[in-house]
PDB file of all heavy atoms in Angstrom:
ATOM      1  N   THR A   1       5.614 -10.961   2.440  1.00  0.00           N
ATOM      2  CA  THR A   1       5.039  -9.733   1.745  1.00  0.00           C
ATOM      3  C   THR A   1       5.755  -8.439   2.384  1.00  0.00           C
ATOM      4  O   THR A   1       5.677  -7.451   1.695  1.00  0.00           O
ATOM      5  CB  THR A   1       3.565  -9.581   1.955  1.00  0.00           C
ATOM      6  OG1 THR A   1       3.144  -9.729   3.318  1.00  0.00           O
ATOM      7  CG2 THR A   1       2.834 -10.668   1.059  1.00  0.00           C
ATOM      8  N   LYS A   2       6.304  -8.528   3.604  1.00  0.00           N
ATOM      9  CA  LYS A   2       6.963  -7.413   4.054  1.00  0.00           C
ATOM     10  C   LYS A   2       8.343  -7.871   4.406  1.00  0.00           C
ATOM     11  O   LYS A   2       8.791  -9.040   4.497  1.00  0.00           O
ATOM     12  CB  LYS A   2       6.465  -7.134   5.550  1.00  0.00           C
ATOM     13  CG  LYS A   2       4.989  -6.577   5.501  1.00  0.00           C
ATOM     14  CD  LYS A   2       4.625  -6.180   6.912  1.00  0.00           C
ATOM     15  CE  LYS A   2       3.301  -5.623   6.990  1.00  0.00           C
ATOM     16  NZ  LYS A   2       2.784  -5.192   8.285  1.00  0.00           N
ATOM     17  N   VAL A   3       9.258  -6.897   4.345  1.00  0.00           N
ATOM     18  CA  VAL A   3      10.761  -7.208   4.626  1.00  0.00           C
ATOM     19  C   VAL A   3      10.850  -7.461   6.088  1.00  0.00           C
ATOM     20  O   VAL A   3      10.248  -6.818   6.816  1.00  0.00           O
ATOM     21  CB  VAL A   3      11.563  -5.983   4.074  1.00  0.00           C
ATOM     22  CG1 VAL A   3      13.127  -6.279   4.352  1.00  0.00           C
ATOM     23  CG2 VAL A   3      11.363  -5.755   2.665  1.00  0.00           C
ATOM     24  N   VAL A   4      11.779  -8.284   6.375  1.00  0.00           N
ATOM     25  CA  VAL A   4      12.008  -8.729   7.752  1.00  0.00           C
ATOM     26  C   VAL A   4      12.292  -7.501   8.578  1.00  0.00           C
ATOM     27  O   VAL A   4      11.923  -7.242   9.790  1.00  0.00           O
ATOM     28  CB  VAL A   4      13.019  -9.826   7.889  1.00  0.00           C
ATOM     29  CG1 VAL A   4      13.219 -10.163   9.385  1.00  0.00           C
ATOM     30  CG2 VAL A   4      12.536 -11.126   7.170  1.00  0.00           C
ATOM     31  N   SER A   5      13.109  -6.568   8.097  1.00  0.00           N
ATOM     32  CA  SER A   5      13.596  -5.487   8.899  1.00  0.00           C
ATOM     33  C   SER A   5      12.390  -4.415   9.129  1.00  0.00           C
ATOM     34  O   SER A   5      12.427  -3.781  10.139  1.00  0.00           O
ATOM     35  CB  SER A   5      14.665  -4.703   8.252  1.00  0.00           C
ATOM     36  OG  SER A   5      14.184  -4.194   6.918  1.00  0.00           O
ATOM     37  N   GLU A   6      11.432  -4.421   8.297  1.00  0.00           N
ATOM     38  CA  GLU A   6      10.202  -3.560   8.611  1.00  0.00           C
ATOM     39  C   GLU A   6       9.346  -4.097   9.596  1.00  0.00           C
ATOM     40  O   GLU A   6       8.694  -3.400  10.369  1.00  0.00           O
ATOM     41  CB  GLU A   6       9.460  -3.417   7.261  1.00  0.00           C
ATOM     42  CG  GLU A   6      10.190  -2.699   6.231  1.00  0.00           C
ATOM     43  CD  GLU A   6       9.306  -2.612   4.984  1.00  0.00           C
ATOM     44  OE1 GLU A   6       8.182  -3.107   4.897  1.00  0.00           O
ATOM     45  OE2 GLU A   6       9.856  -2.070   3.933  1.00  0.00           O
ATOM     46  N   SER A   7       9.227  -5.464   9.655  1.00  0.00           N
ATOM     47  CA  SER A   7       8.155  -6.016  10.554  1.00  0.00           C
ATOM     48  C   SER A   7       8.773  -6.498  11.976  1.00  0.00           C
ATOM     49  O   SER A   7       8.029  -7.063  12.746  1.00  0.00           O
ATOM     50  CB  SER A   7       7.402  -7.149   9.896  1.00  0.00           C
ATOM     51  OG  SER A   7       8.377  -8.204   9.604  1.00  0.00           O
ATOM     52  N   GLY A   8      10.085  -6.322  12.130  1.00  0.00           N
ATOM     53  CA  GLY A   8      10.665  -6.808  13.356  1.00  0.00           C
ATOM     54  C   GLY A   8      11.352  -8.111  13.152  1.00  0.00           C
ATOM     55  O   GLY A   8      11.763  -8.553  12.015  1.00  0.00           O
ATOM     56  N   ALA A   9      11.383  -8.947  14.243  1.00  0.00           N
ATOM     57  CA  ALA A   9      12.085 -10.258  14.028  1.00  0.00           C
ATOM     58  C   ALA A   9      11.246 -11.248  13.451  1.00  0.00           C
ATOM     59  O   ALA A   9      11.844 -12.169  12.873  1.00  0.00           O
ATOM     60  CB  ALA A   9      12.421 -10.720  15.501  1.00  0.00           C
ATOM     61  N   MET A  10       9.889 -11.122  13.327  1.00  0.00           N
ATOM     62  CA  MET A  10       9.213 -12.116  12.762  1.00  0.00           C
ATOM     63  C   MET A  10       8.485 -11.616  11.430  1.00  0.00           C
ATOM     64  O   MET A  10       7.962 -10.465  11.402  1.00  0.00           O
ATOM     65  CB  MET A  10       7.941 -12.476  13.745  1.00  0.00           C
ATOM     66  CG  MET A  10       7.172 -13.667  13.343  1.00  0.00           C
ATOM     67  SD  MET A  10       6.084 -14.076  14.674  1.00  0.00           S
ATOM     68  CE  MET A  10       4.915 -15.076  13.802  1.00  0.00           C
ATOM     69  N   ALA A  11       8.500 -12.410  10.460  1.00  0.00           N
ATOM     70  CA  ALA A  11       7.943 -11.990   9.077  1.00  0.00           C
ATOM     71  C   ALA A  11       6.454 -12.222   9.208  1.00  0.00           C
ATOM     72  O   ALA A  11       6.068 -13.390   9.616  1.00  0.00           O
ATOM     73  CB  ALA A  11       8.574 -12.886   7.940  1.00  0.00           C
ATOM     74  N   GLU A  12       5.645 -11.288   8.797  1.00  0.00           N
ATOM     75  CA  GLU A  12       4.156 -11.475   8.708  1.00  0.00           C
ATOM     76  C   GLU A  12       3.724 -11.477   7.382  1.00  0.00           C
ATOM     77  O   GLU A  12       4.212 -10.835   6.437  1.00  0.00           O
ATOM     78  CB  GLU A  12       3.534 -10.292   9.463  1.00  0.00           C
ATOM     79  CG  GLU A  12       3.883 -10.153  10.915  1.00  0.00           C
ATOM     80  CD  GLU A  12       3.329  -8.886  11.581  1.00  0.00           C
ATOM     81  OE1 GLU A  12       2.397  -8.271  10.905  1.00  0.00           O
ATOM     82  OE2 GLU A  12       3.778  -8.452  12.607  1.00  0.00           O
ATOM     83  N   TYR A  13       2.699 -12.306   7.165  1.00  0.00           N
ATOM     84  CA  TYR A  13       2.073 -12.409   5.836  1.00  0.00           C
ATOM     85  C   TYR A  13       0.776 -11.549   5.785  1.00  0.00           C
ATOM     86  O   TYR A  13       0.082 -11.526   6.820  1.00  0.00           O
ATOM     87  CB  TYR A  13       1.703 -13.835   5.469  1.00  0.00           C
ATOM     88  CG  TYR A  13       3.080 -14.706   5.189  1.00  0.00           C
ATOM     89  CD1 TYR A  13       3.607 -15.396   6.375  1.00  0.00           C
ATOM     90  CD2 TYR A  13       3.766 -14.642   3.961  1.00  0.00           C
ATOM     91  CE1 TYR A  13       4.758 -16.174   6.122  1.00  0.00           C
ATOM     92  CE2 TYR A  13       4.979 -15.397   3.865  1.00  0.00           C
ATOM     93  CZ  TYR A  13       5.422 -16.042   4.925  1.00  0.00           C
ATOM     94  OH  TYR A  13       6.540 -16.798   4.619  1.00  0.00           O
ATOM     95  N   MET A  14       0.478 -10.999   4.741  1.00  0.00           N
ATOM     96  CA  MET A  14      -0.737 -10.204   4.599  1.00  0.00           C
ATOM     97  C   MET A  14      -1.997 -10.923   4.608  1.00  0.00           C
ATOM     98  O   MET A  14      -2.919 -10.366   5.323  1.00  0.00           O
ATOM     99  CB  MET A  14      -0.629  -9.355   3.239  1.00  0.00           C
ATOM    100  CG  MET A  14       0.508  -8.422   3.222  1.00  0.00           C
ATOM    101  SD  MET A  14       0.493  -7.182   4.423  1.00  0.00           S
ATOM    102  CE  MET A  14      -0.687  -6.003   3.708  1.00  0.00           C
ATOM    103  N   GLY A  15      -2.082 -12.034   4.071  1.00  0.00           N
ATOM    104  CA  GLY A  15      -3.459 -12.744   4.114  1.00  0.00           C
ATOM    105  C   GLY A  15      -3.283 -14.102   4.921  1.00  0.00           C
ATOM    106  O   GLY A  15      -2.200 -14.633   5.145  1.00  0.00           O
ATOM    107  N   ALA A  16      -4.496 -14.459   5.205  1.00  0.00           N
ATOM    108  CA  ALA A  16      -4.598 -15.833   5.957  1.00  0.00           C
ATOM    109  C   ALA A  16      -4.830 -16.931   4.897  1.00  0.00           C
ATOM    110  O   ALA A  16      -5.089 -16.723   3.756  1.00  0.00           O
ATOM    111  CB  ALA A  16      -5.912 -15.813   6.773  1.00  0.00           C
ATOM    112  N   ASN A  17      -4.334 -18.073   5.281  1.00  0.00           N
ATOM    113  CA  ASN A  17      -4.435 -19.356   4.396  1.00  0.00           C
ATOM    114  C   ASN A  17      -5.975 -19.804   4.277  1.00  0.00           C
ATOM    115  O   ASN A  17      -6.484 -20.180   5.271  1.00  0.00           O
ATOM    116  CB  ASN A  17      -3.589 -20.403   4.920  1.00  0.00           C
ATOM    117  CG  ASN A  17      -3.470 -21.567   3.995  1.00  0.00           C
ATOM    118  OD1 ASN A  17      -3.977 -21.570   2.906  1.00  0.00           O
ATOM    119  ND2 ASN A  17      -2.881 -22.590   4.373  1.00  0.00           N
ATOM    120  N   LYS A  18      -6.490 -19.589   3.239  1.00  0.00           N
ATOM    121  CA  LYS A  18      -8.002 -19.867   3.023  1.00  0.00           C
ATOM    122  C   LYS A  18      -8.133 -21.249   2.352  1.00  0.00           C
ATOM    123  O   LYS A  18      -9.237 -21.776   2.094  1.00  0.00           O
ATOM    124  CB  LYS A  18      -8.650 -18.864   2.200  1.00  0.00           C
ATOM    125  CG  LYS A  18      -8.611 -17.453   2.705  1.00  0.00           C
ATOM    126  CD  LYS A  18      -9.342 -16.571   1.835  1.00  0.00           C
ATOM    127  CE  LYS A  18      -9.291 -15.207   2.355  1.00  0.00           C
ATOM    128  NZ  LYS A  18      -9.981 -14.242   1.515  1.00  0.00           N
ATOM    129  N   VAL A  19      -7.060 -21.973   2.038  1.00  0.00           N
ATOM    130  CA  VAL A  19      -7.215 -23.353   1.396  1.00  0.00           C
ATOM    131  C   VAL A  19      -8.000 -24.290   2.180  1.00  0.00           C
ATOM    132  O   VAL A  19      -8.766 -25.010   1.647  1.00  0.00           O
ATOM    133  CB  VAL A  19      -5.778 -23.703   0.958  1.00  0.00           C
ATOM    134  CG1 VAL A  19      -5.844 -25.193   0.482  1.00  0.00           C
ATOM    135  CG2 VAL A  19      -5.139 -22.928   0.014  1.00  0.00           C
ATOM    136  N   PRO A  20      -7.672 -24.468   3.516  1.00  0.00           N
ATOM    137  CA  PRO A  20      -8.514 -25.465   4.207  1.00  0.00           C
ATOM    138  C   PRO A  20      -9.957 -25.158   4.185  1.00  0.00           C
ATOM    139  O   PRO A  20     -10.743 -26.048   4.236  1.00  0.00           O
ATOM    140  CB  PRO A  20      -7.999 -25.368   5.713  1.00  0.00           C
ATOM    141  CG  PRO A  20      -6.438 -24.821   5.447  1.00  0.00           C
ATOM    142  CD  PRO A  20      -6.612 -23.866   4.353  1.00  0.00           C
ATOM    143  N   ASP A  21     -10.257 -23.823   4.326  1.00  0.00           N
ATOM    144  CA  ASP A  21     -11.730 -23.500   4.357  1.00  0.00           C
ATOM    145  C   ASP A  21     -12.396 -23.843   2.955  1.00  0.00           C
ATOM    146  O   ASP A  21     -13.445 -24.350   2.971  1.00  0.00           O
ATOM    147  CB  ASP A  21     -11.947 -21.974   4.541  1.00  0.00           C
ATOM    148  CG  ASP A  21     -11.377 -21.589   5.881  1.00  0.00           C
ATOM    149  OD1 ASP A  21     -11.402 -22.377   6.853  1.00  0.00           O
ATOM    150  OD2 ASP A  21     -10.924 -20.405   6.018  1.00  0.00           O
ATOM    151  N   PHE A  22     -11.595 -23.566   1.786  1.00  0.00           N
ATOM    152  CA  PHE A  22     -12.219 -23.936   0.546  1.00  0.00           C
ATOM    153  C   PHE A  22     -12.272 -25.412   0.262  1.00  0.00           C
ATOM    154  O   PHE A  22     -13.260 -25.940  -0.245  1.00  0.00           O
ATOM    155  CB  PHE A  22     -11.366 -23.307  -0.581  1.00  0.00           C
ATOM    156  CG  PHE A  22     -11.421 -21.765  -0.710  1.00  0.00           C
ATOM    157  CD1 PHE A  22     -10.527 -20.984  -0.909  1.00  0.00           C
ATOM    158  CD2 PHE A  22     -12.785 -21.204  -0.589  1.00  0.00           C
ATOM    159  CE1 PHE A  22     -10.570 -19.678  -1.069  1.00  0.00           C
ATOM    160  CE2 PHE A  22     -12.901 -19.851  -0.715  1.00  0.00           C
ATOM    161  CZ  PHE A  22     -11.843 -19.121  -0.938  1.00  0.00           C
ATOM    162  N   GLN A  23     -11.306 -26.165   0.951  1.00  0.00           N
ATOM    163  CA  GLN A  23     -11.401 -27.645   0.815  1.00  0.00           C
ATOM    164  C   GLN A  23     -12.522 -28.006   1.552  1.00  0.00           C
ATOM    165  O   GLN A  23     -13.292 -29.026   0.995  1.00  0.00           O
ATOM    166  CB  GLN A  23     -10.118 -28.255   1.327  1.00  0.00           C
ATOM    167  CG  GLN A  23      -8.873 -28.147   0.431  1.00  0.00           C
ATOM    168  CD  GLN A  23      -7.637 -28.641   1.111  1.00  0.00           C
ATOM    169  OE1 GLN A  23      -7.536 -28.867   2.293  1.00  0.00           O
ATOM    170  NE2 GLN A  23      -6.601 -28.962   0.294  1.00  0.00           N
ATOM    171  N   ARG A  24     -12.828 -27.533   2.641  1.00  0.00           N
ATOM    172  CA  ARG A  24     -13.988 -28.023   3.453  1.00  0.00           C
ATOM    173  C   ARG A  24     -15.325 -27.695   2.704  1.00  0.00           C
ATOM    174  O   ARG A  24     -16.189 -28.553   2.624  1.00  0.00           O
ATOM    175  CB  ARG A  24     -13.928 -27.446   4.808  1.00  0.00           C
ATOM    176  CG  ARG A  24     -15.038 -27.801   5.734  1.00  0.00           C
ATOM    177  CD  ARG A  24     -15.176 -27.085   7.052  1.00  0.00           C
ATOM    178  NE  ARG A  24     -14.831 -25.637   7.003  1.00  0.00           N
ATOM    179  CZ  ARG A  24     -15.569 -24.643   6.680  1.00  0.00           C
ATOM    180  NH1 ARG A  24     -16.838 -24.944   6.368  1.00  0.00           N
ATOM    181  NH2 ARG A  24     -15.201 -23.473   6.626  1.00  0.00           N
ATOM    182  N   ILE A  25     -15.296 -26.572   2.146  1.00  0.00           N
ATOM    183  CA  ILE A  25     -16.643 -26.191   1.385  1.00  0.00           C
ATOM    184  C   ILE A  25     -16.810 -27.035   0.152  1.00  0.00           C
ATOM    185  O   ILE A  25     -17.861 -27.582  -0.118  1.00  0.00           O
ATOM    186  CB  ILE A  25     -16.455 -24.714   0.881  1.00  0.00           C
ATOM    187  CG1 ILE A  25     -16.571 -23.772   2.207  1.00  0.00           C
ATOM    188  CG2 ILE A  25     -17.644 -24.362   0.040  1.00  0.00           C
ATOM    189  CD1 ILE A  25     -16.332 -22.367   1.918  1.00  0.00           C
ATOM    190  N   PHE A  26     -15.727 -27.231  -0.642  1.00  0.00           N
ATOM    191  CA  PHE A  26     -15.955 -27.921  -1.925  1.00  0.00           C
ATOM    192  C   PHE A  26     -15.924 -29.368  -1.803  1.00  0.00           C
ATOM    193  O   PHE A  26     -16.448 -30.049  -2.777  1.00  0.00           O
ATOM    194  CB  PHE A  26     -14.843 -27.424  -2.942  1.00  0.00           C
ATOM    195  CG  PHE A  26     -14.957 -25.960  -3.366  1.00  0.00           C
ATOM    196  CD1 PHE A  26     -13.927 -25.113  -3.116  1.00  0.00           C
ATOM    197  CD2 PHE A  26     -16.052 -25.580  -4.049  1.00  0.00           C
ATOM    198  CE1 PHE A  26     -14.000 -23.851  -3.529  1.00  0.00           C
ATOM    199  CE2 PHE A  26     -16.251 -24.264  -4.485  1.00  0.00           C
ATOM    200  CZ  PHE A  26     -15.195 -23.423  -4.226  1.00  0.00           C
ATOM    201  N   GLN A  27     -15.428 -29.956  -0.701  1.00  0.00           N
ATOM    202  CA  GLN A  27     -15.476 -31.422  -0.695  1.00  0.00           C
ATOM    203  C   GLN A  27     -16.644 -31.986   0.078  1.00  0.00           C
ATOM    204  O   GLN A  27     -16.716 -33.268   0.146  1.00  0.00           O
ATOM    205  CB  GLN A  27     -14.158 -31.822  -0.008  1.00  0.00           C
ATOM    206  CG  GLN A  27     -12.891 -31.658  -0.758  1.00  0.00           C
ATOM    207  CD  GLN A  27     -11.626 -31.965  -0.018  1.00  0.00           C
ATOM    208  OE1 GLN A  27     -11.657 -32.341   1.135  1.00  0.00           O
ATOM    209  NE2 GLN A  27     -10.498 -32.003  -0.812  1.00  0.00           N
ATOM    210  N   THR A  28     -17.502 -31.181   0.578  1.00  0.00           N
ATOM    211  CA  THR A  28     -18.764 -31.698   1.143  1.00  0.00           C
ATOM    212  C   THR A  28     -19.699 -32.291   0.056  1.00  0.00           C
ATOM    213  O   THR A  28     -19.834 -31.677  -0.972  1.00  0.00           O
ATOM    214  CB  THR A  28     -19.545 -30.630   1.985  1.00  0.00           C
ATOM    215  OG1 THR A  28     -19.815 -29.551   1.155  1.00  0.00           O
ATOM    216  CG2 THR A  28     -18.669 -30.181   3.161  1.00  0.00           C
ATOM    217  N   SER A  29     -20.307 -33.383   0.335  1.00  0.00           N
ATOM    218  CA  SER A  29     -21.179 -34.042  -0.663  1.00  0.00           C
ATOM    219  C   SER A  29     -22.621 -33.635  -0.251  1.00  0.00           C
ATOM    220  O   SER A  29     -23.311 -34.335   0.489  1.00  0.00           O
ATOM    221  CB  SER A  29     -20.910 -35.566  -0.737  1.00  0.00           C
ATOM    222  OG  SER A  29     -21.251 -35.998   0.552  1.00  0.00           O
ATOM    223  N   ASP A  30     -23.099 -32.506  -0.769  1.00  0.00           N
ATOM    224  CA  ASP A  30     -24.417 -32.019  -0.458  1.00  0.00           C
ATOM    225  C   ASP A  30     -25.394 -31.990  -1.784  1.00  0.00           C
ATOM    226  O   ASP A  30     -26.412 -31.429  -1.548  1.00  0.00           O
ATOM    227  CB  ASP A  30     -24.380 -30.784   0.289  1.00  0.00           C
ATOM    228  CG  ASP A  30     -23.506 -29.719  -0.265  1.00  0.00           C
ATOM    229  OD1 ASP A  30     -23.054 -29.992  -1.431  1.00  0.00           O
ATOM    230  OD2 ASP A  30     -23.355 -28.618   0.198  1.00  0.00           O
ATOM    231  N   GLY A  31     -24.892 -32.468  -2.748  1.00  0.00           N
ATOM    232  CA  GLY A  31     -25.676 -32.464  -4.030  1.00  0.00           C
ATOM    233  C   GLY A  31     -25.588 -31.134  -4.815  1.00  0.00           C
ATOM    234  O   GLY A  31     -26.214 -31.008  -5.927  1.00  0.00           O
ATOM    235  N   ILE A  32     -24.882 -30.242  -4.377  1.00  0.00           N
ATOM    236  CA  ILE A  32     -24.754 -28.894  -5.069  1.00  0.00           C
ATOM    237  C   ILE A  32     -23.548 -28.934  -5.904  1.00  0.00           C
ATOM    238  O   ILE A  32     -22.457 -29.416  -5.605  1.00  0.00           O
ATOM    239  CB  ILE A  32     -24.638 -27.699  -4.024  1.00  0.00           C
ATOM    240  CG1 ILE A  32     -25.753 -27.682  -3.013  1.00  0.00           C
ATOM    241  CG2 ILE A  32     -24.429 -26.470  -4.767  1.00  0.00           C
ATOM    242  CD1 ILE A  32     -25.680 -26.715  -1.941  1.00  0.00           C
ATOM    243  N   PRO A  33     -23.720 -28.545  -7.163  1.00  0.00           N
ATOM    244  CA  PRO A  33     -22.622 -28.488  -8.150  1.00  0.00           C
ATOM    245  C   PRO A  33     -21.453 -27.630  -7.589  1.00  0.00           C
ATOM    246  O   PRO A  33     -21.669 -26.580  -6.789  1.00  0.00           O
ATOM    247  CB  PRO A  33     -23.164 -27.883  -9.502  1.00  0.00           C
ATOM    248  CG  PRO A  33     -24.677 -28.065  -9.302  1.00  0.00           C
ATOM    249  CD  PRO A  33     -24.868 -28.016  -7.794  1.00  0.00           C
ATOM    250  N   VAL A  34     -20.214 -27.957  -8.033  1.00  0.00           N
ATOM    251  CA  VAL A  34     -19.051 -27.183  -7.529  1.00  0.00           C
ATOM    252  C   VAL A  34     -19.133 -25.752  -7.847  1.00  0.00           C
ATOM    253  O   VAL A  34     -18.764 -24.980  -7.042  1.00  0.00           O
ATOM    254  CB  VAL A  34     -17.850 -27.902  -8.083  1.00  0.00           C
ATOM    255  CG1 VAL A  34     -16.572 -27.167  -7.676  1.00  0.00           C
ATOM    256  CG2 VAL A  34     -17.605 -29.305  -7.521  1.00  0.00           C
ATOM    257  N   HIS A  35     -19.596 -25.434  -9.027  1.00  0.00           N
ATOM    258  CA  HIS A  35     -19.613 -24.102  -9.433  1.00  0.00           C
ATOM    259  C   HIS A  35     -20.671 -23.265  -8.809  1.00  0.00           C
ATOM    260  O   HIS A  35     -20.800 -22.048  -9.035  1.00  0.00           O
ATOM    261  CB  HIS A  35     -19.751 -23.963 -11.031  1.00  0.00           C
ATOM    262  CG  HIS A  35     -21.048 -24.500 -11.565  1.00  0.00           C
ATOM    263  ND1 HIS A  35     -21.230 -25.820 -11.782  1.00  0.00           N
ATOM    264  CD2 HIS A  35     -22.250 -23.975 -11.812  1.00  0.00           C
ATOM    265  CE1 HIS A  35     -22.487 -26.032 -12.199  1.00  0.00           C
ATOM    266  NE2 HIS A  35     -23.091 -24.830 -12.311  1.00  0.00           N
ATOM    267  N   MET A  36     -21.511 -23.857  -7.814  1.00  0.00           N
ATOM    268  CA  MET A  36     -22.498 -23.106  -7.111  1.00  0.00           C
ATOM    269  C   MET A  36     -22.431 -23.135  -5.592  1.00  0.00           C
ATOM    270  O   MET A  36     -23.206 -22.642  -4.886  1.00  0.00           O
ATOM    271  CB  MET A  36     -23.905 -23.656  -7.502  1.00  0.00           C
ATOM    272  CG  MET A  36     -24.224 -23.684  -9.039  1.00  0.00           C
ATOM    273  SD  MET A  36     -24.597 -22.033  -9.593  1.00  0.00           S
ATOM    274  CE  MET A  36     -26.234 -21.912  -9.299  1.00  0.00           C
ATOM    275  N   LYS A  37     -21.261 -23.717  -5.170  1.00  0.00           N
ATOM    276  CA  LYS A  37     -21.155 -23.992  -3.649  1.00  0.00           C
ATOM    277  C   LYS A  37     -20.880 -22.796  -2.787  1.00  0.00           C
ATOM    278  O   LYS A  37     -21.143 -22.881  -1.744  1.00  0.00           O
ATOM    279  CB  LYS A  37     -20.002 -25.102  -3.551  1.00  0.00           C
ATOM    280  CG  LYS A  37     -20.379 -26.349  -3.855  1.00  0.00           C
ATOM    281  CD  LYS A  37     -19.768 -27.355  -2.963  1.00  0.00           C
ATOM    282  CE  LYS A  37     -20.089 -28.791  -3.368  1.00  0.00           C
ATOM    283  NZ  LYS A  37     -20.301 -29.640  -2.375  1.00  0.00           N
ATOM    284  N   ARG A  38     -20.448 -21.683  -3.291  1.00  0.00           N
ATOM    285  CA  ARG A  38     -20.138 -20.478  -2.502  1.00  0.00           C
ATOM    286  C   ARG A  38     -21.330 -19.561  -2.341  1.00  0.00           C
ATOM    287  O   ARG A  38     -21.141 -18.482  -1.865  1.00  0.00           O
ATOM    288  CB  ARG A  38     -18.954 -19.768  -3.078  1.00  0.00           C
ATOM    289  CG  ARG A  38     -17.720 -20.659  -2.891  1.00  0.00           C
ATOM    290  CD  ARG A  38     -16.507 -20.010  -3.434  1.00  0.00           C
ATOM    291  NE  ARG A  38     -16.231 -18.772  -2.753  1.00  0.00           N
ATOM    292  CZ  ARG A  38     -15.395 -17.856  -3.149  1.00  0.00           C
ATOM    293  NH1 ARG A  38     -14.709 -18.047  -4.353  1.00  0.00           N
ATOM    294  NH2 ARG A  38     -15.141 -16.777  -2.503  1.00  0.00           N
ATOM    295  N   GLY A  39     -22.499 -19.962  -2.767  1.00  0.00           N
ATOM    296  CA  GLY A  39     -23.652 -19.301  -2.358  1.00  0.00           C
ATOM    297  C   GLY A  39     -24.130 -18.193  -3.376  1.00  0.00           C
ATOM    298  O   GLY A  39     -24.013 -18.390  -4.638  1.00  0.00           O
TER     299      GLY A  39
END
């Protein structure tokens, strides 16, 4: 999301990877429908 020259030698991404968190939430078998799992 940033040009390498702006952020120095290492490229930084603006957001964190939330996919593992969502996988953990949606793959638990607790009897709650998928469309209601996020509270």
